[in-house]
Amino acid sequence: DTSIRSICNLMTPTSPQATMTIPIVSNIEAHLRPTDSFKTVIFNSGLTSINTFPSFKKATHVEIDGATGYRCSTSGTITVSDRLQLIETLKLTNVPFTGTSVVLDFRECNKLKTLDLSGCTGLQGIIIPSNKYLTSLILPDGLEIIQLGFCQSLNYADLVINNNRFNSITIDGRNSFVSDFIEDFVVGFNGLLTITNSETLALTYQALTILANLENVTFIG
């Protein structure tokens, strides 16, 4: 408890480039007041007393692993930009989301470059808007809902989705990997597929064959 107070006092930032790394410590919640001034925040441990989605208004880089003891009990749709206004890199790994119907909404996170949610549990859905900066997207197992806008800098090799349970998919037809996505994630899909900005959509024969066998496909734009 004393160590975290000392670190926070000593590291009160003099520039927006300052970084805070939280060491192993208990009862950390009372000592987080200075973090709104830090650009990079990395938690190593000691988050067992915190159960809300993180809020660091000036941070561009945040890392929290479930090994810290952190879990998120917030329910419903979480508007990430309300809590992480300037976020560019967010790594929430192995975090249990214990709320109900939890959807992470990244609309207005216009500078997001890296999102890693690997190992997280309890997430129902994710909303990624059109974004020209995103280059790495790692999603957790078990997602039911995904909305993916036009991510012009995202290569398919850098989009990682494992063991999904999708029942609702929305994807922007301008993405270069739409055919790959359909071939990998829409085979046997029984939910609702919506393809936006589909006027210039070009698909492989295999992707077209998969779409032809679906009952609920909507093309918009």
Protein backbone atom coordinates (compact mmCIF):
# COMPACT_ATOMS: atom_id res chain seq x y z
CA ASP A 1 0.00 0.00 0.00
CA THR A 2 2.84 2.35 0.87
CA SER A 3 4.80 1.47 -2.27
CA ILE A 4 1.98 2.32 -4.63
CA ARG A 5 1.37 5.64 -2.90
CA SER A 6 5.06 6.49 -3.20
CA ILE A 7 5.19 5.52 -6.86
CA CYS A 8 2.11 7.55 -7.73
CA ASN A 9 3.49 10.59 -5.90
CA LEU A 10 6.94 10.32 -7.46
CA MET A 11 5.60 9.71 -10.94
CA THR A 12 3.11 12.55 -11.13
CA PRO A 13 3.78 13.36 -14.77
CA THR A 14 5.41 16.47 -16.11
CA SER A 15 4.71 15.51 -19.74
CA PRO A 16 2.04 13.52 -21.59
CA GLN A 17 4.67 10.88 -22.41
CA ALA A 18 4.87 9.66 -18.81
CA THR A 19 4.32 5.98 -18.12
CA MET A 20 2.98 4.28 -15.03
CA THR A 21 3.49 0.60 -14.32
CA ILE A 22 1.65 -0.71 -11.27
CA PRO A 23 3.61 -3.29 -9.22
CA ILE A 24 2.24 -6.08 -7.03
CA VAL A 25 0.13 -4.39 -4.37
CA SER A 26 -3.23 -4.80 -2.66
CA ASN A 27 -5.98 -2.22 -2.19
CA ILE A 28 -4.89 -0.35 -5.28
CA GLU A 29 -8.20 1.31 -6.07
CA ALA A 30 -7.72 4.20 -3.66
CA HIS A 31 -4.44 5.17 -5.31
CA LEU A 32 -5.46 5.45 -8.96
CA ARG A 33 -6.27 9.16 -8.94
CA PRO A 34 -3.08 10.27 -10.75
CA THR A 35 -3.55 7.86 -13.67
CA ASP A 36 -5.75 10.20 -15.70
CA SER A 37 -2.56 12.13 -16.49
CA PHE A 38 -0.59 9.19 -17.85
CA LYS A 39 -0.29 8.24 -21.50
CA THR A 40 0.71 4.61 -20.87
CA VAL A 41 -0.71 2.48 -18.07
CA ILE A 42 0.36 -1.14 -17.51
CA PHE A 43 -0.95 -3.18 -14.59
CA ASN A 44 1.12 -6.10 -13.34
CA SER A 45 -0.97 -7.19 -10.36
CA GLY A 46 -3.14 -6.08 -7.48
CA LEU A 47 -6.48 -5.42 -9.18
CA THR A 48 -8.66 -7.78 -7.18
CA SER A 49 -10.67 -4.88 -5.75
CA ILE A 50 -11.56 -3.35 -9.15
CA ASN A 51 -14.49 -4.67 -11.17
CA THR A 52 -15.48 -1.90 -13.59
CA PHE A 53 -14.23 -1.25 -17.10
CA PRO A 54 -10.99 0.79 -16.97
CA SER A 55 -11.16 4.56 -17.36
CA PHE A 56 -8.01 6.48 -18.25
CA LYS A 57 -9.02 9.60 -20.14
CA LYS A 58 -5.58 10.55 -21.52
CA ALA A 59 -4.02 7.13 -21.97
CA THR A 60 -3.16 5.93 -25.46
CA HIS A 61 -1.74 2.57 -24.30
CA VAL A 62 -3.38 0.38 -21.64
CA GLU A 63 -2.51 -3.20 -20.70
CA ILE A 64 -4.38 -5.29 -18.12
CA ASP A 65 -4.16 -9.07 -17.78
CA GLY A 66 -6.56 -11.25 -15.86
CA ALA A 67 -3.58 -12.57 -13.87
CA THR A 68 -3.73 -9.27 -11.96
CA GLY A 69 -6.99 -10.42 -10.39
CA TYR A 70 -8.96 -7.92 -12.44
CA ARG A 71 -12.44 -8.84 -13.62
CA CYS A 72 -15.11 -6.64 -15.20
CA SER A 73 -18.66 -6.89 -13.88
CA THR A 74 -20.09 -4.07 -16.03
CA SER A 75 -23.19 -5.23 -17.94
CA GLY A 76 -24.69 -4.22 -21.27
CA THR A 77 -23.00 -2.17 -23.98
CA ILE A 78 -19.79 -0.50 -22.85
CA THR A 79 -18.96 2.61 -24.87
CA VAL A 80 -15.18 2.42 -24.73
CA SER A 81 -14.59 6.00 -25.91
CA ASP A 82 -16.33 7.29 -22.76
CA ARG A 83 -13.56 5.75 -20.67
CA LEU A 84 -10.55 5.55 -22.99
CA GLN A 85 -10.96 8.61 -25.15
CA LEU A 86 -7.52 8.58 -26.79
CA ILE A 87 -6.80 4.86 -26.84
CA GLU A 88 -4.50 3.52 -29.57
CA THR A 89 -3.37 0.22 -28.04
CA LEU A 90 -5.61 -1.76 -25.71
CA LYS A 91 -4.62 -5.17 -24.40
CA LEU A 92 -7.23 -6.69 -22.10
CA THR A 93 -6.11 -10.30 -21.95
CA ASN A 94 -7.52 -13.24 -19.99
CA VAL A 95 -10.06 -10.96 -18.32
CA PRO A 96 -13.33 -12.48 -17.06
CA PHE A 97 -16.33 -10.32 -18.02
CA THR A 98 -18.92 -11.33 -15.46
CA GLY A 99 -21.74 -8.94 -16.40
CA THR A 100 -24.68 -9.81 -18.62
CA SER A 101 -24.96 -9.18 -22.38
CA VAL A 102 -21.59 -7.43 -22.51
CA VAL A 103 -20.81 -5.72 -25.82
CA LEU A 104 -17.68 -3.60 -26.28
CA ASP A 105 -18.45 -0.65 -28.55
CA PHE A 106 -15.36 1.00 -30.04
CA ARG A 107 -17.20 3.65 -32.04
CA GLU A 108 -15.48 7.03 -31.64
CA CYS A 109 -12.18 5.27 -30.84
CA ASN A 110 -10.92 6.67 -34.10
CA LYS A 111 -7.20 6.16 -33.49
CA LEU A 112 -7.32 2.55 -32.35
CA LYS A 113 -4.36 0.64 -33.79
CA THR A 114 -4.10 -2.55 -31.74
CA LEU A 115 -6.82 -4.43 -29.88
CA ASP A 116 -6.02 -7.67 -28.07
CA LEU A 117 -8.84 -9.38 -26.16
CA SER A 118 -7.31 -12.86 -26.26
CA GLY A 119 -8.32 -15.17 -23.45
CA CYS A 120 -11.21 -12.99 -22.27
CA THR A 121 -14.43 -14.74 -21.28
CA GLY A 122 -18.03 -13.61 -20.99
CA LEU A 123 -18.06 -11.15 -23.91
CA GLN A 124 -21.17 -11.36 -26.06
CA GLY A 125 -20.20 -8.97 -28.82
CA ILE A 126 -17.88 -6.35 -30.23
CA ILE A 127 -18.39 -3.31 -32.45
CA ILE A 128 -15.43 -2.08 -34.49
CA PRO A 129 -16.25 0.97 -36.64
CA SER A 130 -14.53 2.01 -39.84
CA ASN A 131 -10.94 2.80 -38.93
CA LYS A 132 -7.90 3.62 -41.04
CA TYR A 133 -5.34 2.91 -38.30
CA LEU A 134 -6.25 -0.56 -37.01
CA THR A 135 -3.56 -3.11 -37.91
CA SER A 136 -4.06 -5.85 -35.30
CA LEU A 137 -7.32 -7.30 -33.99
CA ILE A 138 -7.34 -10.35 -31.70
CA LEU A 139 -10.76 -11.41 -30.45
CA PRO A 140 -11.70 -13.86 -27.71
CA ASP A 141 -13.52 -17.16 -27.92
CA GLY A 142 -17.28 -17.38 -27.79
CA LEU A 143 -18.36 -14.11 -29.43
CA GLU A 144 -21.97 -14.08 -30.64
CA ILE A 145 -22.10 -10.63 -32.25
CA ILE A 146 -19.53 -8.86 -34.41
CA GLN A 147 -19.81 -5.59 -36.30
CA LEU A 148 -16.76 -4.80 -38.36
CA GLY A 149 -16.49 -1.57 -40.31
CA PHE A 150 -14.05 -0.71 -43.09
CA CYS A 151 -10.58 -1.33 -41.65
CA GLN A 152 -8.43 -0.40 -44.59
CA SER A 153 -5.08 -1.09 -42.89
CA LEU A 154 -6.06 -4.44 -41.38
CA ASN A 155 -4.69 -7.51 -43.11
CA TYR A 156 -6.59 -10.75 -42.75
CA ALA A 157 -3.55 -12.43 -41.19
CA ASP A 158 -3.75 -9.89 -38.37
CA LEU A 159 -7.43 -10.59 -37.63
CA VAL A 160 -7.60 -13.45 -35.13
CA ILE A 161 -10.95 -15.02 -34.20
CA ASN A 162 -11.19 -18.37 -32.44
CA ASN A 163 -14.11 -20.62 -31.50
CA ASN A 164 -16.84 -18.10 -32.26
CA ARG A 165 -20.56 -18.67 -31.77
CA PHE A 166 -21.74 -15.92 -34.09
CA ASN A 167 -25.47 -15.38 -34.52
CA SER A 168 -25.13 -11.86 -35.91
CA ILE A 169 -22.41 -10.65 -38.28
CA THR A 170 -22.13 -7.21 -39.88
CA ILE A 171 -19.14 -6.56 -42.11
CA ASP A 172 -18.22 -3.72 -44.44
CA GLY A 173 -17.96 -4.97 -48.03
CA ARG A 174 -15.00 -2.69 -48.72
CA ASN A 175 -12.70 -4.79 -46.54
CA SER A 176 -10.14 -6.65 -48.63
CA PHE A 177 -10.71 -9.85 -46.67
CA VAL A 178 -14.50 -10.22 -46.99
CA SER A 179 -14.26 -13.42 -49.05
CA ASP A 180 -11.77 -14.96 -46.61
CA PHE A 181 -13.99 -14.02 -43.69
CA ILE A 182 -17.06 -15.59 -45.29
CA GLU A 183 -15.18 -18.76 -46.16
CA ASP A 184 -13.84 -19.14 -42.61
CA PHE A 185 -16.72 -17.97 -40.43
CA VAL A 186 -19.99 -18.17 -42.37
CA VAL A 187 -20.01 -21.84 -43.35
CA GLY A 188 -22.93 -23.39 -41.48
CA PHE A 189 -23.91 -19.99 -40.09
CA ASN A 190 -27.59 -19.81 -39.10
CA GLY A 191 -27.80 -16.21 -37.92
CA LEU A 192 -28.15 -12.86 -39.66
CA LEU A 193 -25.36 -11.73 -42.00
CA THR A 194 -25.34 -8.09 -43.08
CA ILE A 195 -22.85 -6.78 -45.64
CA THR A 196 -22.68 -2.98 -45.83
CA ASN A 197 -21.25 -0.87 -48.66
CA SER A 198 -21.79 -3.82 -50.95
CA GLU A 199 -22.10 -1.95 -54.24
CA THR A 200 -18.49 -2.71 -55.20
CA LEU A 201 -18.32 -6.06 -53.44
CA ALA A 202 -16.17 -8.66 -55.24
CA LEU A 203 -16.31 -12.20 -53.88
CA THR A 204 -14.67 -15.48 -54.70
CA TYR A 205 -16.77 -18.28 -56.16
CA GLN A 206 -16.52 -20.19 -52.90
CA ALA A 207 -17.76 -17.21 -50.88
CA LEU A 208 -20.66 -16.71 -53.30
CA THR A 209 -21.60 -20.36 -52.97
CA ILE A 210 -21.66 -20.05 -49.18
CA LEU A 211 -23.87 -16.96 -49.35
CA ALA A 212 -26.26 -18.70 -51.73
CA ASN A 213 -26.95 -21.30 -49.05
CA LEU A 214 -27.75 -18.83 -46.29
CA GLU A 215 -31.31 -17.91 -45.33
CA ASN A 216 -30.66 -14.50 -43.78
CA VAL A 217 -28.35 -12.26 -45.81
CA THR A 218 -28.84 -8.51 -46.14
CA PHE A 219 -26.92 -6.25 -48.51
CA ILE A 220 -26.88 -2.53 -47.67
CA GLY A 221 -25.48 0.16 -49.92
